Amino acid sequence: MSSDRRMHVRFRRKVVVYATWNQHLLVFSEPDFPELGLQVPGGTVETGEDIEMAARREFTEETGLAAPQVFGRLGEALYSFESESFETGATRFEHLRTYFHTALDQAPATSWEWTEATPDGGGPPIRMAFSFKPLLPQPKLFGALDSFLPQVIARLSLEEMSR
């Protein structure tokens, strides 16, 4: 039974990007799937791709913005979940996520919509509605995407004290 269950596990390397501006976090929701709540840019690392380059690529693909110069690596965490509908042929998913922080020089707008044309799981393009949320109180993100937000908040507080 356990070997049968193992055949249904789908493993992916993922990147997660916390983009901040003026003590606010760049977040998005999916208007066509409101049940997914607030998310941050990120996605799947392609085979052989450098992890930071994947974070830069995913940031640009998902936001429509040029990637900032500095991406600070925060750490990694394994995220596991089960779903019958997420992707055909698998019921259990494991994502090894590498988290990054980048500070934006300016906000491109207070809010905007963007469409990711090529989602990892295939399927139709994904509409995303972007906005900035204050980092305090810490926003609650979908699927444990907020795991490394305390480190970002601490980094920004240290930066503010040193000015």
N, C-alpha and C. Protein backbone atom coordinates (compact mmCIF):
# COMPACT_ATOMS: atom_id res chain seq x y z
N MET A 1 0.82 -1.20 0.00
CA MET A 1 0.00 0.00 0.00
C MET A 1 0.86 1.26 0.00
N SER A 2 1.91 1.30 0.83
CA SER A 2 2.74 2.50 0.87
C SER A 2 3.49 2.72 -0.44
N SER A 3 3.92 1.64 -1.13
CA SER A 3 4.60 1.83 -2.41
C SER A 3 3.65 2.38 -3.45
N ASP A 4 2.36 1.97 -3.41
CA ASP A 4 1.36 2.50 -4.33
C ASP A 4 1.16 3.99 -4.07
N ARG A 5 1.11 4.38 -2.80
CA ARG A 5 0.94 5.79 -2.43
C ARG A 5 2.13 6.61 -2.91
N ARG A 6 3.33 6.05 -2.80
CA ARG A 6 4.54 6.75 -3.21
C ARG A 6 4.52 7.08 -4.72
N MET A 7 3.92 6.23 -5.52
CA MET A 7 3.87 6.46 -6.96
C MET A 7 3.08 7.71 -7.30
N HIS A 8 2.23 8.16 -6.41
CA HIS A 8 1.37 9.30 -6.67
C HIS A 8 1.93 10.62 -6.14
N VAL A 9 3.15 10.61 -5.62
CA VAL A 9 3.76 11.84 -5.11
C VAL A 9 4.41 12.59 -6.26
N ARG A 10 4.16 13.89 -6.33
CA ARG A 10 4.76 14.74 -7.36
C ARG A 10 5.67 15.75 -6.65
N PHE A 11 6.97 15.70 -6.92
CA PHE A 11 7.95 16.58 -6.29
C PHE A 11 8.33 17.70 -7.26
N ARG A 12 8.44 18.93 -6.74
CA ARG A 12 8.87 20.08 -7.53
C ARG A 12 9.78 20.97 -6.69
N ARG A 13 10.80 21.54 -7.35
CA ARG A 13 11.58 22.63 -6.74
C ARG A 13 10.85 23.92 -7.05
N LYS A 14 10.65 24.76 -6.06
CA LYS A 14 9.91 26.01 -6.22
C LYS A 14 10.71 27.17 -5.66
N VAL A 15 10.40 28.35 -6.14
CA VAL A 15 10.94 29.58 -5.58
C VAL A 15 9.78 30.46 -5.14
N VAL A 16 10.01 31.22 -4.09
CA VAL A 16 9.02 32.16 -3.55
C VAL A 16 9.74 33.49 -3.39
N VAL A 17 9.10 34.57 -3.88
CA VAL A 17 9.74 35.89 -3.84
C VAL A 17 8.89 36.86 -3.02
N TYR A 18 9.50 37.37 -1.94
CA TYR A 18 8.89 38.45 -1.17
C TYR A 18 9.45 39.75 -1.72
N ALA A 19 8.64 40.50 -2.44
CA ALA A 19 9.05 41.81 -2.96
C ALA A 19 8.42 42.87 -2.05
N THR A 20 9.27 43.73 -1.50
CA THR A 20 8.77 44.75 -0.58
C THR A 20 9.04 46.15 -1.13
N TRP A 21 8.19 47.06 -0.69
CA TRP A 21 8.34 48.47 -1.01
C TRP A 21 7.72 49.26 0.14
N ASN A 22 8.51 50.13 0.73
CA ASN A 22 8.02 51.03 1.76
C ASN A 22 7.26 50.28 2.87
N GLN A 23 7.86 49.20 3.35
CA GLN A 23 7.30 48.35 4.41
C GLN A 23 5.96 47.70 4.03
N HIS A 24 5.79 47.48 2.72
CA HIS A 24 4.62 46.78 2.20
C HIS A 24 5.10 45.58 1.38
N LEU A 25 4.27 44.55 1.33
CA LEU A 25 4.57 43.33 0.61
C LEU A 25 3.73 43.26 -0.66
N LEU A 26 4.38 42.90 -1.77
CA LEU A 26 3.66 42.71 -3.03
C LEU A 26 2.94 41.36 -2.96
N VAL A 27 1.62 41.39 -3.11
CA VAL A 27 0.80 40.18 -3.07
C VAL A 27 -0.12 40.16 -4.28
N PHE A 28 -0.69 38.99 -4.53
CA PHE A 28 -1.72 38.92 -5.56
C PHE A 28 -2.78 37.91 -5.17
N SER A 29 -3.92 38.07 -5.78
CA SER A 29 -4.98 37.07 -5.68
C SER A 29 -5.34 36.69 -7.11
N GLU A 30 -6.02 35.58 -7.25
CA GLU A 30 -6.46 35.12 -8.56
C GLU A 30 -7.96 35.36 -8.64
N PRO A 31 -8.40 36.38 -9.40
CA PRO A 31 -9.84 36.70 -9.45
C PRO A 31 -10.71 35.51 -9.86
N ASP A 32 -10.18 34.60 -10.67
CA ASP A 32 -10.97 33.45 -11.10
C ASP A 32 -10.97 32.32 -10.07
N PHE A 33 -10.09 32.42 -9.06
CA PHE A 33 -9.99 31.40 -8.01
C PHE A 33 -9.80 32.08 -6.65
N PRO A 34 -10.80 32.81 -6.17
CA PRO A 34 -10.65 33.57 -4.91
C PRO A 34 -10.36 32.69 -3.70
N GLU A 35 -10.70 31.40 -3.78
CA GLU A 35 -10.45 30.50 -2.65
C GLU A 35 -8.96 30.30 -2.39
N LEU A 36 -8.11 30.69 -3.33
CA LEU A 36 -6.66 30.53 -3.15
C LEU A 36 -6.05 31.65 -2.31
N GLY A 37 -6.82 32.67 -1.97
CA GLY A 37 -6.35 33.70 -1.06
C GLY A 37 -5.18 34.49 -1.59
N LEU A 38 -4.47 35.14 -0.67
CA LEU A 38 -3.31 35.97 -1.04
C LEU A 38 -2.08 35.11 -1.29
N GLN A 39 -1.33 35.47 -2.32
CA GLN A 39 -0.10 34.77 -2.69
C GLN A 39 0.98 35.79 -2.99
N VAL A 40 2.20 35.31 -3.17
CA VAL A 40 3.32 36.14 -3.61
C VAL A 40 3.92 35.50 -4.86
N PRO A 41 4.67 36.27 -5.65
CA PRO A 41 5.26 35.70 -6.86
C PRO A 41 6.16 34.50 -6.56
N GLY A 42 6.19 33.58 -7.49
CA GLY A 42 7.03 32.40 -7.36
C GLY A 42 6.61 31.35 -8.36
N GLY A 43 7.29 30.23 -8.34
CA GLY A 43 6.92 29.17 -9.26
C GLY A 43 7.97 28.08 -9.33
N THR A 44 7.89 27.31 -10.39
CA THR A 44 8.70 26.10 -10.54
C THR A 44 10.07 26.39 -11.14
N VAL A 45 11.07 25.74 -10.57
CA VAL A 45 12.44 25.81 -11.09
C VAL A 45 12.54 24.81 -12.23
N GLU A 46 13.02 25.27 -13.37
CA GLU A 46 13.18 24.38 -14.52
C GLU A 46 14.43 23.52 -14.35
N THR A 47 14.44 22.35 -14.97
CA THR A 47 15.56 21.42 -14.88
C THR A 47 16.87 22.12 -15.27
N GLY A 48 17.87 22.04 -14.38
CA GLY A 48 19.18 22.63 -14.65
C GLY A 48 19.26 24.13 -14.42
N GLU A 49 18.17 24.76 -14.02
CA GLU A 49 18.15 26.22 -13.85
C GLU A 49 18.73 26.62 -12.50
N ASP A 50 19.55 27.66 -12.49
CA ASP A 50 20.07 28.24 -11.26
C ASP A 50 18.88 28.75 -10.43
N ILE A 51 18.91 28.51 -9.12
CA ILE A 51 17.78 28.82 -8.26
C ILE A 51 17.46 30.32 -8.22
N GLU A 52 18.50 31.18 -8.16
CA GLU A 52 18.23 32.62 -8.16
C GLU A 52 17.71 33.07 -9.52
N MET A 53 18.22 32.50 -10.59
CA MET A 53 17.72 32.86 -11.92
C MET A 53 16.25 32.44 -12.06
N ALA A 54 15.88 31.32 -11.45
CA ALA A 54 14.48 30.89 -11.46
C ALA A 54 13.61 31.90 -10.73
N ALA A 55 14.09 32.40 -9.59
CA ALA A 55 13.34 33.40 -8.84
C ALA A 55 13.16 34.67 -9.67
N ARG A 56 14.21 35.11 -10.35
CA ARG A 56 14.11 36.31 -11.19
C ARG A 56 13.13 36.09 -12.35
N ARG A 57 13.24 34.92 -13.00
CA ARG A 57 12.35 34.62 -14.13
C ARG A 57 10.90 34.58 -13.67
N GLU A 58 10.64 33.85 -12.59
CA GLU A 58 9.27 33.73 -12.09
C GLU A 58 8.70 35.09 -11.68
N PHE A 59 9.53 35.92 -11.04
CA PHE A 59 9.08 37.25 -10.64
C PHE A 59 8.60 38.02 -11.87
N THR A 60 9.40 38.02 -12.93
CA THR A 60 9.06 38.76 -14.15
C THR A 60 7.84 38.15 -14.84
N GLU A 61 7.80 36.82 -14.95
CA GLU A 61 6.66 36.17 -15.61
C GLU A 61 5.35 36.44 -14.89
N GLU A 62 5.40 36.43 -13.57
CA GLU A 62 4.15 36.58 -12.81
C GLU A 62 3.72 38.01 -12.60
N THR A 63 4.66 38.96 -12.57
CA THR A 63 4.29 40.35 -12.28
C THR A 63 4.28 41.26 -13.50
N GLY A 64 5.05 40.89 -14.53
CA GLY A 64 5.21 41.77 -15.68
C GLY A 64 6.25 42.85 -15.43
N LEU A 65 6.95 42.79 -14.29
CA LEU A 65 7.96 43.79 -13.92
C LEU A 65 9.36 43.23 -14.17
N ALA A 66 10.30 44.13 -14.39
CA ALA A 66 11.71 43.72 -14.46
C ALA A 66 12.15 43.32 -13.06
N ALA A 67 12.96 42.28 -12.98
CA ALA A 67 13.46 41.82 -11.68
C ALA A 67 14.47 42.81 -11.12
N PRO A 68 14.36 43.16 -9.84
CA PRO A 68 15.35 44.04 -9.21
C PRO A 68 16.74 43.39 -9.21
N GLN A 69 17.77 44.18 -8.97
CA GLN A 69 19.15 43.70 -8.99
C GLN A 69 19.44 42.70 -7.87
N VAL A 70 18.95 42.99 -6.67
CA VAL A 70 19.34 42.20 -5.50
C VAL A 70 18.22 41.26 -5.07
N PHE A 71 18.54 39.97 -5.01
CA PHE A 71 17.64 38.95 -4.47
C PHE A 71 18.39 38.28 -3.32
N GLY A 72 17.92 38.50 -2.10
CA GLY A 72 18.56 37.89 -0.93
C GLY A 72 17.89 36.58 -0.59
N ARG A 73 18.67 35.53 -0.49
CA ARG A 73 18.14 34.20 -0.18
C ARG A 73 17.85 34.11 1.32
N LEU A 74 16.65 33.69 1.67
CA LEU A 74 16.22 33.60 3.07
C LEU A 74 16.34 32.19 3.65
N GLY A 75 16.08 31.17 2.84
CA GLY A 75 16.13 29.79 3.32
C GLY A 75 15.23 28.89 2.51
N GLU A 76 15.12 27.64 2.96
CA GLU A 76 14.32 26.64 2.26
C GLU A 76 13.37 25.96 3.24
N ALA A 77 12.26 25.48 2.70
CA ALA A 77 11.30 24.71 3.49
C ALA A 77 10.56 23.75 2.57
N LEU A 78 10.23 22.59 3.10
CA LEU A 78 9.46 21.61 2.34
C LEU A 78 7.98 21.82 2.66
N TYR A 79 7.18 21.94 1.63
CA TYR A 79 5.74 22.11 1.79
C TYR A 79 5.05 20.92 1.12
N SER A 80 4.24 20.17 1.87
CA SER A 80 3.53 19.00 1.36
C SER A 80 2.04 19.23 1.47
N PHE A 81 1.32 18.76 0.47
CA PHE A 81 -0.14 18.84 0.52
C PHE A 81 -0.74 17.74 -0.34
N GLU A 82 -2.02 17.49 -0.10
CA GLU A 82 -2.74 16.50 -0.89
C GLU A 82 -3.89 17.18 -1.61
N SER A 83 -4.14 16.72 -2.84
CA SER A 83 -5.22 17.28 -3.64
C SER A 83 -5.60 16.29 -4.73
N GLU A 84 -6.86 16.15 -4.96
CA GLU A 84 -7.35 15.30 -6.05
C GLU A 84 -7.46 16.10 -7.34
N SER A 85 -7.45 17.43 -7.25
CA SER A 85 -7.73 18.25 -8.43
C SER A 85 -6.56 19.13 -8.87
N PHE A 86 -5.48 19.20 -8.09
CA PHE A 86 -4.39 20.12 -8.41
C PHE A 86 -3.69 19.77 -9.72
N GLU A 87 -3.37 18.52 -9.93
CA GLU A 87 -2.66 18.10 -11.14
C GLU A 87 -3.01 16.64 -11.42
N THR A 88 -3.32 16.33 -12.65
CA THR A 88 -3.72 14.98 -13.04
C THR A 88 -2.59 13.98 -12.77
N GLY A 89 -2.95 12.82 -12.23
CA GLY A 89 -1.99 11.75 -12.04
C GLY A 89 -1.27 11.74 -10.70
N ALA A 90 -1.57 12.69 -9.83
CA ALA A 90 -0.92 12.73 -8.53
C ALA A 90 -1.94 13.16 -7.48
N THR A 91 -1.75 12.69 -6.26
CA THR A 91 -2.63 13.11 -5.18
C THR A 91 -1.86 13.77 -4.05
N ARG A 92 -0.56 13.48 -3.95
CA ARG A 92 0.27 14.09 -2.91
C ARG A 92 1.40 14.87 -3.59
N PHE A 93 1.64 16.08 -3.09
CA PHE A 93 2.62 16.97 -3.71
C PHE A 93 3.63 17.41 -2.67
N GLU A 94 4.88 17.47 -3.07
CA GLU A 94 5.94 17.99 -2.21
C GLU A 94 6.67 19.07 -2.99
N HIS A 95 6.73 20.25 -2.40
CA HIS A 95 7.42 21.38 -3.00
C HIS A 95 8.57 21.78 -2.09
N LEU A 96 9.79 21.67 -2.58
CA LEU A 96 10.94 22.20 -1.84
C LEU A 96 11.08 23.65 -2.28
N ARG A 97 10.71 24.56 -1.39
CA ARG A 97 10.67 25.98 -1.70
C ARG A 97 11.92 26.69 -1.21
N THR A 98 12.50 27.52 -2.08
CA THR A 98 13.58 28.42 -1.69
C THR A 98 12.99 29.83 -1.69
N TYR A 99 13.13 30.51 -0.57
CA TYR A 99 12.53 31.83 -0.36
C TYR A 99 13.57 32.93 -0.58
N PHE A 100 13.14 34.01 -1.25
CA PHE A 100 13.99 35.16 -1.53
C PHE A 100 13.28 36.44 -1.11
N HIS A 101 14.09 37.46 -0.81
CA HIS A 101 13.57 38.80 -0.55
C HIS A 101 14.23 39.76 -1.52
N THR A 102 13.43 40.66 -2.08
CA THR A 102 13.96 41.73 -2.91
C THR A 102 13.20 43.01 -2.57
N ALA A 103 13.91 44.11 -2.52
CA ALA A 103 13.29 45.41 -2.23
C ALA A 103 13.12 46.16 -3.55
N LEU A 104 11.92 46.63 -3.78
CA LEU A 104 11.64 47.41 -4.99
C LEU A 104 12.03 48.87 -4.76
N ASP A 105 12.61 49.49 -5.78
CA ASP A 105 12.98 50.90 -5.68
C ASP A 105 11.76 51.81 -5.65
N GLN A 106 10.72 51.38 -6.34
CA GLN A 106 9.48 52.14 -6.35
C GLN A 106 8.33 51.19 -6.65
N ALA A 107 7.13 51.63 -6.32
CA ALA A 107 5.95 50.82 -6.63
C ALA A 107 5.52 51.16 -8.05
N PRO A 108 5.32 50.15 -8.89
CA PRO A 108 4.90 50.42 -10.27
C PRO A 108 3.49 51.02 -10.33
N ALA A 109 2.67 50.67 -9.36
CA ALA A 109 1.29 51.17 -9.22
C ALA A 109 0.80 50.66 -7.87
N THR A 110 -0.32 51.19 -7.39
CA THR A 110 -0.84 50.67 -6.13
C THR A 110 -1.51 49.32 -6.34
N SER A 111 -2.03 49.10 -7.56
CA SER A 111 -2.60 47.81 -7.91
C SER A 111 -2.61 47.67 -9.43
N TRP A 112 -2.58 46.43 -9.91
CA TRP A 112 -2.65 46.16 -11.34
C TRP A 112 -3.00 44.70 -11.56
N GLU A 113 -3.44 44.39 -12.77
CA GLU A 113 -3.70 43.00 -13.15
C GLU A 113 -2.67 42.57 -14.17
N TRP A 114 -2.33 41.29 -14.11
CA TRP A 114 -1.37 40.69 -15.03
C TRP A 114 -1.84 39.27 -15.30
N THR A 115 -1.50 38.75 -16.45
CA THR A 115 -1.87 37.37 -16.78
C THR A 115 -0.61 36.56 -17.03
N GLU A 116 -0.46 35.48 -16.25
CA GLU A 116 0.65 34.56 -16.50
C GLU A 116 0.22 33.65 -17.64
N ALA A 117 0.97 33.72 -18.74
CA ALA A 117 0.58 33.02 -19.96
C ALA A 117 0.87 31.52 -19.92
N THR A 118 1.91 31.11 -19.18
CA THR A 118 2.34 29.70 -19.23
C THR A 118 2.47 29.11 -17.82
N PRO A 119 1.35 28.77 -17.18
CA PRO A 119 1.43 28.17 -15.85
C PRO A 119 2.12 26.80 -15.88
N ASP A 120 2.82 26.46 -14.80
CA ASP A 120 3.59 25.22 -14.69
C ASP A 120 2.74 23.98 -14.94
N GLY A 121 1.56 23.94 -14.39
CA GLY A 121 0.72 22.76 -14.53
C GLY A 121 -0.01 22.68 -15.86
N GLY A 122 0.33 23.58 -16.79
CA GLY A 122 -0.40 23.63 -18.05
C GLY A 122 -1.71 24.37 -17.82
N GLY A 123 -2.62 24.20 -18.70
CA GLY A 123 -3.92 24.84 -18.54
C GLY A 123 -3.93 26.26 -19.06
N PRO A 124 -5.07 26.91 -18.90
CA PRO A 124 -5.23 28.26 -19.43
C PRO A 124 -4.40 29.29 -18.65
N PRO A 125 -4.18 30.46 -19.23
CA PRO A 125 -3.48 31.54 -18.52
C PRO A 125 -4.18 31.87 -17.20
N ILE A 126 -3.40 32.40 -16.26
CA ILE A 126 -3.92 32.72 -14.93
C ILE A 126 -3.93 34.24 -14.76
N ARG A 127 -5.13 34.78 -14.45
CA ARG A 127 -5.25 36.22 -14.15
C ARG A 127 -4.85 36.46 -12.71
N MET A 128 -4.05 37.51 -12.50
CA MET A 128 -3.59 37.85 -11.16
C MET A 128 -3.85 39.33 -10.89
N ALA A 129 -4.38 39.63 -9.71
CA ALA A 129 -4.64 41.00 -9.29
C ALA A 129 -3.62 41.35 -8.20
N PHE A 130 -2.68 42.25 -8.53
CA PHE A 130 -1.59 42.63 -7.62
C PHE A 130 -1.93 43.87 -6.81
N SER A 131 -1.39 43.89 -5.59
CA SER A 131 -1.49 45.06 -4.72
C SER A 131 -0.39 44.95 -3.66
N PHE A 132 -0.27 45.98 -2.85
CA PHE A 132 0.69 45.99 -1.76
C PHE A 132 -0.07 45.97 -0.43
N LYS A 133 0.37 45.09 0.47
CA LYS A 133 -0.22 44.97 1.81
C LYS A 133 0.84 45.35 2.84
N PRO A 134 0.44 46.07 3.89
CA PRO A 134 1.41 46.37 4.95
C PRO A 134 1.99 45.08 5.52
N LEU A 135 3.28 45.13 5.86
CA LEU A 135 3.93 43.95 6.46
C LEU A 135 3.49 43.73 7.91
N LEU A 136 3.00 44.78 8.56
CA LEU A 136 2.48 44.66 9.92
C LEU A 136 1.07 45.20 9.97
N PRO A 137 0.13 44.45 10.51
CA PRO A 137 0.34 43.09 10.98
C PRO A 137 0.67 42.17 9.80
N GLN A 138 1.41 41.12 10.10
CA GLN A 138 1.88 40.21 9.05
C GLN A 138 0.70 39.62 8.28
N PRO A 139 0.70 39.77 6.95
CA PRO A 139 -0.41 39.21 6.16
C PRO A 139 -0.39 37.69 6.16
N LYS A 140 -1.56 37.09 6.12
CA LYS A 140 -1.71 35.64 6.05
C LYS A 140 -1.75 35.26 4.57
N LEU A 141 -0.83 34.38 4.16
CA LEU A 141 -0.73 33.97 2.76
C LEU A 141 -1.19 32.53 2.60
N PHE A 142 -1.68 32.21 1.44
CA PHE A 142 -2.16 30.88 1.11
C PHE A 142 -1.03 29.85 1.13
N GLY A 143 -1.33 28.63 1.55
CA GLY A 143 -0.40 27.51 1.42
C GLY A 143 0.94 27.68 2.09
N ALA A 144 0.97 28.31 3.26
CA ALA A 144 2.21 28.51 4.03
C ALA A 144 3.26 29.31 3.26
N LEU A 145 2.82 30.13 2.30
CA LEU A 145 3.78 30.99 1.60
C LEU A 145 4.36 32.06 2.51
N ASP A 146 3.77 32.26 3.68
CA ASP A 146 4.25 33.28 4.62
C ASP A 146 5.32 32.75 5.59
N SER A 147 5.83 31.56 5.36
CA SER A 147 6.77 30.90 6.28
C SER A 147 7.99 31.74 6.64
N PHE A 148 8.52 32.52 5.70
CA PHE A 148 9.73 33.30 5.96
C PHE A 148 9.46 34.80 6.09
N LEU A 149 8.20 35.19 6.19
CA LEU A 149 7.90 36.61 6.37
C LEU A 149 8.48 37.20 7.66
N PRO A 150 8.52 36.46 8.77
CA PRO A 150 9.14 37.04 9.97
C PRO A 150 10.60 37.48 9.73
N GLN A 151 11.34 36.73 8.91
CA GLN A 151 12.72 37.11 8.61
C GLN A 151 12.77 38.41 7.80
N VAL A 152 11.83 38.57 6.88
CA VAL A 152 11.77 39.80 6.08
C VAL A 152 11.45 40.98 6.99
N ILE A 153 10.48 40.81 7.86
CA ILE A 153 10.09 41.88 8.78
C ILE A 153 11.27 42.25 9.67
N ALA A 154 11.99 41.27 10.16
CA ALA A 154 13.16 41.54 11.00
C ALA A 154 14.24 42.27 10.20
N ARG A 155 14.49 41.84 8.97
CA ARG A 155 15.48 42.52 8.12
C ARG A 155 15.14 43.97 7.90
N LEU A 156 13.88 44.24 7.60
CA LEU A 156 13.46 45.61 7.33
C LEU A 156 13.53 46.46 8.59
N SER A 157 13.21 45.89 9.73
CA SER A 157 13.31 46.64 10.99
C SER A 157 14.75 46.99 11.29
N LEU A 158 15.68 46.05 11.04
CA LEU A 158 17.11 46.31 11.26
C LEU A 158 17.60 47.40 10.31
N GLU A 159 17.15 47.36 9.08
CA GLU A 159 17.54 48.39 8.10
C GLU A 159 17.05 49.76 8.55
N GLU A 160 15.84 49.82 9.06
CA GLU A 160 15.27 51.10 9.50
C GLU A 160 16.06 51.65 10.69
N MET A 161 16.47 50.76 11.64
CA MET A 161 17.20 51.22 12.81
C MET A 161 18.58 51.74 12.45
N SER A 162 19.17 51.19 11.39
CA SER A 162 20.54 51.58 11.03
C SER A 162 20.60 52.89 10.24
N ARG A 163 19.46 53.43 9.87
CA ARG A 163 19.46 54.70 9.09
C ARG A 163 19.60 55.90 9.96
